[in-house]
C-alpha atoms as a PDB file:
ATOM      1  CA  UNK A   1       0.484   0.016  -0.140  1.00  0.00           C
ATOM      2  CA  UNK A   2       2.982   2.192   0.738  1.00  0.00           C
ATOM      3  CA  UNK A   3       4.763   2.105  -2.621  1.00  0.00           C
ATOM      4  CA  UNK A   4       1.016   2.255  -4.392  1.00  0.00           C
ATOM      5  CA  UNK A   5       0.165   5.854  -2.487  1.00  0.00           C
ATOM      6  CA  UNK A   6       3.425   7.312  -2.687  1.00  0.00           C
ATOM      7  CA  UNK A   7       3.019   6.853  -6.634  1.00  0.00           C
ATOM      8  CA  UNK A   8       0.020   7.971  -6.828  1.00  0.00           C
ATOM      9  CA  UNK A   9       0.703  10.800  -4.890  1.00  0.00           C
ATOM     10  CA  UNK A  10       3.807  11.813  -6.633  1.00  0.00           C
ATOM     11  CA  UNK A  11       2.156  11.788  -9.791  1.00  0.00           C
ATOM     12  CA  UNK A  12      -0.865  14.535  -8.582  1.00  0.00           C
ATOM     13  CA  UNK A  13       2.137  16.618  -7.728  1.00  0.00           C
ATOM     14  CA  UNK A  14       2.329  15.854  -4.086  1.00  0.00           C
ATOM     15  CA  UNK A  15       6.129  15.647  -1.896  1.00  0.00           C
ATOM     16  CA  UNK A  16       6.474  12.243   0.094  1.00  0.00           C
ATOM     17  CA  UNK A  17       8.601  14.018   2.702  1.00  0.00           C
ATOM     18  CA  UNK A  18       8.461  11.380   5.563  1.00  0.00           C
ATOM     19  CA  UNK A  19       8.573   7.076   4.999  1.00  0.00           C
ATOM     20  CA  UNK A  20       8.715   5.179   7.701  1.00  0.00           C
ATOM     21  CA  UNK A  21       8.532   1.336   7.792  1.00  0.00           C
ATOM     22  CA  UNK A  22       9.794  -1.482  10.061  1.00  0.00           C
ATOM     23  CA  UNK A  23      13.495  -0.873   8.793  1.00  0.00           C
ATOM     24  CA  UNK A  24      13.233   2.897   9.953  1.00  0.00           C
ATOM     25  CA  UNK A  25      11.403   3.391  13.233  1.00  0.00           C
ATOM     26  CA  UNK A  26      13.621   5.278  14.936  1.00  0.00           C
ATOM     27  CA  UNK A  27      12.642   8.041  12.298  1.00  0.00           C
ATOM     28  CA  UNK A  28       9.181   8.131  13.529  1.00  0.00           C
ATOM     29  CA  UNK A  29       9.258  11.395  15.473  1.00  0.00           C
ATOM     30  CA  UNK A  30       7.259  14.797  16.464  1.00  0.00           C
ATOM     31  CA  UNK A  31       9.859  16.910  15.218  1.00  0.00           C
ATOM     32  CA  UNK A  32      10.002  14.599  11.350  1.00  0.00           C
ATOM     33  CA  UNK A  33       6.554  14.247  11.480  1.00  0.00           C
ATOM     34  CA  UNK A  34       5.845  17.804  11.670  1.00  0.00           C
ATOM     35  CA  UNK A  35       7.437  18.668   8.300  1.00  0.00           C
ATOM     36  CA  UNK A  36       4.098  17.206   6.568  1.00  0.00           C
ATOM     37  CA  UNK A  37       1.193  18.315   6.004  1.00  0.00           C
ATOM     38  CA  UNK A  38      -0.855  15.559   6.072  1.00  0.00           C
ATOM     39  CA  UNK A  39       0.022  11.570   7.700  1.00  0.00           C
ATOM     40  CA  UNK A  40      -1.085   8.395   5.563  1.00  0.00           C
ATOM     41  CA  UNK A  41      -1.235   5.429   8.249  1.00  0.00           C
ATOM     42  CA  UNK A  42      -1.747   2.004   6.745  1.00  0.00           C
ATOM     43  CA  UNK A  43       0.456  -0.244   9.322  1.00  0.00           C
ATOM     44  CA  UNK A  44      -1.802  -2.700  11.615  1.00  0.00           C
ATOM     45  CA  UNK A  45      -3.985  -3.710  14.298  1.00  0.00           C
ATOM     46  CA  UNK A  46      -0.839  -3.470  17.120  1.00  0.00           C
ATOM     47  CA  UNK A  47       0.682  -0.042  15.878  1.00  0.00           C
ATOM     48  CA  UNK A  48      -2.693   1.772  14.349  1.00  0.00           C
ATOM     49  CA  UNK A  49      -3.597   4.149  16.951  1.00  0.00           C
ATOM     50  CA  UNK A  50      -0.569   5.285  18.242  1.00  0.00           C
ATOM     51  CA  UNK A  51       1.266   5.879  15.093  1.00  0.00           C
ATOM     52  CA  UNK A  52      -2.328   7.848  14.845  1.00  0.00           C
ATOM     53  CA  UNK A  53      -2.066   9.274  18.485  1.00  0.00           C
ATOM     54  CA  UNK A  54       2.046  10.540  17.548  1.00  0.00           C
ATOM     55  CA  UNK A  55       1.034  12.251  14.345  1.00  0.00           C
ATOM     56  CA  UNK A  56      -1.657  14.046  15.668  1.00  0.00           C
ATOM     57  CA  UNK A  57       0.743  15.159  18.713  1.00  0.00           C
ATOM     58  CA  UNK A  58       2.802  16.835  15.977  1.00  0.00           C
ATOM     59  CA  UNK A  59      -0.268  18.913  14.391  1.00  0.00           C
ATOM     60  CA  UNK A  60      -0.160  17.196  11.171  1.00  0.00           C
ATOM     61  CA  UNK A  61      -4.121  15.612  10.241  1.00  0.00           C
ATOM     62  CA  UNK A  62      -4.317  11.744   9.964  1.00  0.00           C
ATOM     63  CA  UNK A  63      -5.473   9.590   7.438  1.00  0.00           C
ATOM     64  CA  UNK A  64      -5.765   6.012   9.222  1.00  0.00           C
ATOM     65  CA  UNK A  65      -6.731   3.427   6.432  1.00  0.00           C
ATOM     66  CA  UNK A  66      -4.971   0.626   9.168  1.00  0.00           C
ATOM     67  CA  UNK A  67      -8.309  -2.321  10.358  1.00  0.00           C
ATOM     68  CA  UNK A  68      -8.454  -4.411  13.834  1.00  0.00           C
ATOM     69  CA  UNK A  69      -7.475  -1.556  16.111  1.00  0.00           C
ATOM     70  CA  UNK A  70     -11.421  -0.304  16.504  1.00  0.00           C
ATOM     71  CA  UNK A  71     -11.838  -0.882  19.936  1.00  0.00           C
ATOM     72  CA  UNK A  72      -9.379   2.597  20.560  1.00  0.00           C
ATOM     73  CA  UNK A  73     -11.257   4.706  18.210  1.00  0.00           C
ATOM     74  CA  UNK A  74     -13.466   6.699  20.660  1.00  0.00           C
ATOM     75  CA  UNK A  75     -10.122   7.364  22.213  1.00  0.00           C
ATOM     76  CA  UNK A  76      -8.539   8.531  18.723  1.00  0.00           C
ATOM     77  CA  UNK A  77     -11.129  10.598  18.059  1.00  0.00           C
ATOM     78  CA  UNK A  78     -11.416  12.140  21.442  1.00  0.00           C
ATOM     79  CA  UNK A  79      -8.150  13.095  21.563  1.00  0.00           C
ATOM     80  CA  UNK A  80      -8.033  14.619  17.993  1.00  0.00           C
ATOM     81  CA  UNK A  81     -11.165  16.231  19.356  1.00  0.00           C
ATOM     82  CA  UNK A  82      -8.856  17.642  22.606  1.00  0.00           C
ATOM     83  CA  UNK A  83      -6.363  18.966  20.534  1.00  0.00           C
ATOM     84  CA  UNK A  84      -8.463  20.627  17.640  1.00  0.00           C
ATOM     85  CA  UNK A  85      -6.777  18.079  15.426  1.00  0.00           C
ATOM     86  CA  UNK A  86      -8.042  16.396  11.522  1.00  0.00           C
ATOM     87  CA  UNK A  87      -8.366  12.895  11.524  1.00  0.00           C
ATOM     88  CA  UNK A  88     -10.247  11.012   8.807  1.00  0.00           C
ATOM     89  CA  UNK A  89     -10.721   7.403   9.172  1.00  0.00           C
ATOM     90  CA  UNK A  90     -12.268   4.456   6.719  1.00  0.00           C
ATOM     91  CA  UNK A  91     -12.282   0.736   6.859  1.00  0.00           C
ATOM     92  CA  UNK A  92     -11.894   1.161   2.607  1.00  0.00           C
ATOM     93  CA  UNK A  93     -10.546   3.750   0.661  1.00  0.00           C
ATOM     94  CA  UNK A  94     -11.980   2.958  -2.504  1.00  0.00           C
ATOM     95  CA  UNK A  95     -14.464   4.898  -4.344  1.00  0.00           C
ATOM     96  CA  UNK A  96     -16.062   1.786  -5.923  1.00  0.00           C
ATOM     97  CA  UNK A  97     -16.255  -0.034  -2.111  1.00  0.00           C
ATOM     98  CA  UNK A  98     -17.794   3.217  -0.346  1.00  0.00           C
ATOM     99  CA  UNK A  99     -20.225   3.402  -3.790  1.00  0.00           C
ATOM    100  CA  UNK A 100     -20.808  -0.070  -2.873  1.00  0.00           C
ATOM    101  CA  UNK A 101     -20.806   0.639   0.726  1.00  0.00           C
ATOM    102  CA  UNK A 102     -24.338   3.030   0.029  1.00  0.00           C
ATOM    103  CA  UNK A 103     -25.752   0.014  -2.341  1.00  0.00           C
ATOM    104  CA  UNK A 104     -25.033  -1.999   0.277  1.00  0.00           C
ATOM    105  CA  UNK A 105     -27.449  -0.254   3.205  1.00  0.00           C
ATOM    106  CA  UNK A 106     -29.508   0.758   0.280  1.00  0.00           C
ATOM    107  CA  UNK A 107     -30.397  -2.716  -0.434  1.00  0.00           C
ATOM    108  CA  UNK A 108     -30.542  -3.752   3.574  1.00  0.00           C
ATOM    109  CA  UNK A 109     -33.331  -1.207   3.797  1.00  0.00           C
ATOM    110  CA  UNK A 110     -35.251  -2.842   1.069  1.00  0.00           C
ATOM    111  CA  UNK A 111     -34.677  -6.386   2.674  1.00  0.00           C
ATOM    112  CA  UNK A 112     -35.857  -4.966   5.975  1.00  0.00           C
ATOM    113  CA  UNK A 113     -39.567  -6.322   5.375  1.00  0.00           C
ATOM    114  CA  UNK A 114     -39.120  -9.450   3.611  1.00  0.00           C
ATOM    115  CA  UNK A 115     -38.041 -12.158   6.681  1.00  0.00           C
ATOM    116  CA  UNK A 116     -38.387 -15.052   4.275  1.00  0.00           C
ATOM    117  CA  UNK A 117     -34.692 -14.356   3.334  1.00  0.00           C
ATOM    118  CA  UNK A 118     -31.557 -15.021   4.965  1.00  0.00           C
ATOM    119  CA  UNK A 119     -28.435 -13.242   4.529  1.00  0.00           C
ATOM    120  CA  UNK A 120     -24.714 -13.901   4.725  1.00  0.00           C
ATOM    121  CA  UNK A 121     -21.544 -12.603   4.037  1.00  0.00           C
ATOM    122  CA  UNK A 122     -18.530 -13.734   2.195  1.00  0.00           C
ATOM    123  CA  UNK A 123     -14.886 -11.667   1.703  1.00  0.00           C
ATOM    124  CA  UNK A 124     -11.954 -13.166   0.017  1.00  0.00           C
ATOM    125  CA  UNK A 125      -8.228 -11.508   0.804  1.00  0.00           C
ATOM    126  CA  UNK A 126      -4.546 -12.232  -0.014  1.00  0.00           C
ATOM    127  CA  UNK A 127      -2.883 -14.569   2.601  1.00  0.00           C
ATOM    128  CA  UNK A 128      -0.794 -11.457   3.845  1.00  0.00           C
ATOM    129  CA  UNK A 129      -4.520  -9.645   5.210  1.00  0.00           C
ATOM    130  CA  UNK A 130      -3.463  -9.968   9.083  1.00  0.00           C
ATOM    131  CA  UNK A 131      -7.654  -9.655  10.910  1.00  0.00           C
ATOM    132  CA  UNK A 132     -10.425 -11.868   9.730  1.00  0.00           C
ATOM    133  CA  UNK A 133     -12.679 -10.509   8.788  1.00  0.00           C
ATOM    134  CA  UNK A 134     -11.674  -7.623   6.887  1.00  0.00           C
ATOM    135  CA  UNK A 135     -12.423  -4.045   8.061  1.00  0.00           C
ATOM    136  CA  UNK A 136     -14.921  -3.509   4.775  1.00  0.00           C
ATOM    137  CA  UNK A 137     -16.531  -6.856   6.034  1.00  0.00           C
ATOM    138  CA  UNK A 138     -17.234  -5.747   9.174  1.00  0.00           C
ATOM    139  CA  UNK A 139     -18.590  -2.445   8.007  1.00  0.00           C
ATOM    140  CA  UNK A 140     -20.975  -4.492   5.697  1.00  0.00           C
ATOM    141  CA  UNK A 141     -22.020  -6.786   8.266  1.00  0.00           C
ATOM    142  CA  UNK A 142     -23.144  -3.310  10.811  1.00  0.00           C
ATOM    143  CA  UNK A 143     -25.143  -1.816   8.361  1.00  0.00           C
ATOM    144  CA  UNK A 144     -26.901  -4.919   7.553  1.00  0.00           C
ATOM    145  CA  UNK A 145     -27.230  -5.173  10.954  1.00  0.00           C
ATOM    146  CA  UNK A 146     -28.968  -1.723  11.300  1.00  0.00           C
ATOM    147  CA  UNK A 147     -31.681  -3.586   9.009  1.00  0.00           C
ATOM    148  CA  UNK A 148     -32.342  -6.481   9.262  1.00  0.00           C
ATOM    149  CA  UNK A 149     -33.727  -7.387  12.654  1.00  0.00           C
ATOM    150  CA  UNK A 150     -33.232 -11.405  13.149  1.00  0.00           C
ATOM    151  CA  UNK A 151     -29.680 -10.608  12.876  1.00  0.00           C
ATOM    152  CA  UNK A 152     -28.104  -9.462  16.322  1.00  0.00           C
ATOM    153  CA  UNK A 153     -24.184  -9.880  15.915  1.00  0.00           C
ATOM    154  CA  UNK A 154     -21.946 -10.997  13.022  1.00  0.00           C
ATOM    155  CA  UNK A 155     -19.791 -14.231  13.433  1.00  0.00           C
ATOM    156  CA  UNK A 156     -16.860 -14.973  11.632  1.00  0.00           C
ATOM    157  CA  UNK A 157     -17.916 -18.378  11.299  1.00  0.00           C
ATOM    158  CA  UNK A 158     -20.589 -20.857   9.613  1.00  0.00           C
ATOM    159  CA  UNK A 159     -23.507 -20.629  12.185  1.00  0.00           C
ATOM    160  CA  UNK A 160     -27.038 -22.428  12.592  1.00  0.00           C
ATOM    161  CA  UNK A 161     -27.805 -20.100  15.012  1.00  0.00           C
ATOM    162  CA  UNK A 162     -30.110 -17.527  13.136  1.00  0.00           C
ATOM    163  CA  UNK A 163     -29.874 -14.539  14.935  1.00  0.00           C
ATOM    164  CA  UNK A 164     -26.224 -14.390  14.036  1.00  0.00           C
ATOM    165  CA  UNK A 165     -25.075 -12.836  10.838  1.00  0.00           C
ATOM    166  CA  UNK A 166     -22.140 -15.120   8.744  1.00  0.00           C
ATOM    167  CA  UNK A 167     -18.894 -13.362   7.772  1.00  0.00           C
ATOM    168  CA  UNK A 168     -16.808 -16.602   5.598  1.00  0.00           C
ATOM    169  CA  UNK A 169     -13.525 -15.349   5.504  1.00  0.00           C
ATOM    170  CA  UNK A 170     -10.606 -16.976   2.810  1.00  0.00           C
ATOM    171  CA  UNK A 171      -7.244 -15.712   2.523  1.00  0.00           C
ATOM    172  CA  UNK A 172      -5.840 -16.401  -1.241  1.00  0.00           C
ATOM    173  CA  UNK A 173      -3.339 -15.306  -3.119  1.00  0.00           C
ATOM    174  CA  UNK A 174      -3.255 -13.024  -4.900  1.00  0.00           C
ATOM    175  CA  UNK A 175      -6.313 -11.936  -4.641  1.00  0.00           C
ATOM    176  CA  UNK A 176      -6.701  -7.900  -3.558  1.00  0.00           C
ATOM    177  CA  UNK A 177     -10.401  -8.231  -1.662  1.00  0.00           C
ATOM    178  CA  UNK A 178     -13.403  -9.600  -2.882  1.00  0.00           C
ATOM    179  CA  UNK A 179     -16.576  -8.937  -0.763  1.00  0.00           C
ATOM    180  CA  UNK A 180     -20.173 -11.011  -1.323  1.00  0.00           C
ATOM    181  CA  UNK A 181     -23.570 -10.291   0.391  1.00  0.00           C
ATOM    182  CA  UNK A 182     -26.060 -12.860  -0.564  1.00  0.00           C
ATOM    183  CA  UNK A 183     -29.902 -12.642   0.445  1.00  0.00           C
ATOM    184  CA  UNK A 184     -31.047 -16.411  -0.106  1.00  0.00           C
ATOM    185  CA  UNK A 185     -34.548 -17.725  -0.168  1.00  0.00           C
ATOM    186  CA  UNK A 186     -36.298 -20.724  -1.156  1.00  0.00           C
ATOM    187  CA  UNK A 187     -37.614 -19.035  -4.429  1.00  0.00           C
ATOM    188  CA  UNK A 188     -34.328 -17.038  -5.492  1.00  0.00           C
ATOM    189  CA  UNK A 189     -31.464 -15.456  -4.525  1.00  0.00           C
ATOM    190  CA  UNK A 190     -29.824 -11.881  -4.107  1.00  0.00           C
ATOM    191  CA  UNK A 191     -26.436 -10.751  -4.400  1.00  0.00           C
ATOM    192  CA  UNK A 192     -23.977  -7.843  -4.548  1.00  0.00           C
ATOM    193  CA  UNK A 193     -20.353  -8.448  -4.636  1.00  0.00           C
ATOM    194  CA  UNK A 194     -17.242  -6.212  -5.293  1.00  0.00           C
ATOM    195  CA  UNK A 195     -14.183  -7.541  -6.584  1.00  0.00           C
ATOM    196  CA  UNK A 196     -10.990  -4.840  -6.278  1.00  0.00           C
ATOM    197  CA  UNK A 197      -8.885  -6.074  -9.334  1.00  0.00           C
ATOM    198  CA  UNK A 198      -5.845  -4.173  -7.845  1.00  0.00           C
ATOM    199  CA  UNK A 199      -4.689  -1.955  -4.880  1.00  0.00           C
ATOM    200  CA  UNK A 200      -4.896   1.529  -6.766  1.00  0.00           C
ATOM    201  CA  UNK A 201      -8.065   2.212  -5.732  1.00  0.00           C
ATOM    202  CA  UNK A 202      -7.549   1.855  -2.648  1.00  0.00           C
ATOM    203  CA  UNK A 203      -4.780   4.027  -2.815  1.00  0.00           C
ATOM    204  CA  UNK A 204      -6.172   6.460  -5.115  1.00  0.00           C
ATOM    205  CA  UNK A 205      -8.890   7.158  -2.378  1.00  0.00           C
ATOM    206  CA  UNK A 206      -6.594   7.356   0.056  1.00  0.00           C
ATOM    207  CA  UNK A 207      -4.543  10.042  -1.390  1.00  0.00           C
ATOM    208  CA  UNK A 208      -8.239  11.597  -2.275  1.00  0.00           C
ATOM    209  CA  UNK A 209      -9.099  11.719   1.555  1.00  0.00           C
ATOM    210  CA  UNK A 210      -5.356  13.196   2.075  1.00  0.00           C
ATOM    211  CA  UNK A 211      -6.153  16.168   0.147  1.00  0.00           C
ATOM    212  CA  UNK A 212      -9.238  16.956   1.554  1.00  0.00           C
ATOM    213  CA  UNK A 213      -8.267  16.699   4.917  1.00  0.00           C
ATOM    214  CA  UNK A 214      -5.707  18.701   4.434  1.00  0.00           C
ATOM    215  CA  UNK A 215      -6.193  22.296   6.101  1.00  0.00           C
ATOM    216  CA  UNK A 216      -9.148  21.302   8.239  1.00  0.00           C
ATOM    217  CA  UNK A 217      -9.918  20.262  11.975  1.00  0.00           C
ATOM    218  CA  UNK A 218     -12.070  17.834  12.656  1.00  0.00           C
ATOM    219  CA  UNK A 219     -13.247  14.219  12.650  1.00  0.00           C
ATOM    220  CA  UNK A 220     -14.140  13.402   8.751  1.00  0.00           C
ATOM    221  CA  UNK A 221     -14.852   9.804   6.801  1.00  0.00           C
ATOM    222  CA  UNK A 222     -14.641   9.003   3.602  1.00  0.00           C
ATOM    223  CA  UNK A 223     -18.549   9.902   3.139  1.00  0.00           C
ATOM    224  CA  UNK A 224     -17.720  13.884   3.441  1.00  0.00           C
ATOM    225  CA  UNK A 225     -14.782  13.279   0.778  1.00  0.00           C
ATOM    226  CA  UNK A 226     -17.063  11.536  -1.538  1.00  0.00           C
ATOM    227  CA  UNK A 227     -20.205  13.709  -0.666  1.00  0.00           C
ATOM    228  CA  UNK A 228     -22.330  11.155   0.480  1.00  0.00           C
END
């Protein structure tokens, strides 16, 4: 993701003033971060919250695409608001996926009265994807739970409990990301699918989000960036 984001950012005329990876963590200091206008954070669930906090403490707005760390989300939001910072989190920055979110939410709303349909989710990613289910799948599942009242919680396994919403996760190379939502009845199936062909959509959306966040204060999402 870092290489894809850098490639797109440079092509759009932006300058990369700091690159941090596992090989140069000692360079990740508040003084170094201060040279940036916006930081884009794509690491992992164990480091994301502290990374975001350090960038905010440097007075730099943060676009975060890491997933699996959301137990600390409210803590980061409160910290950002307390210091009048800028923070934008998305489980997926792809423009296509965010359109897919809107479609999923609308379909779930349409399906609310039709209790004869059961619903389940499936997500497929590459084997380097560390968290399961994906943040995108969780967002999709939470949208379904808002409208399908028979489902009380999502689970990441096959379930015989009608009150549980299944999210089935597979890790297969080189899949960059596929998400499916299927409503199934004895009469027919209704299915929507988003399939990413590469990571350029995620990287391009992250750069778009950084452009949007620059110069702002507050908490934002891709809905703000895309005007949904």
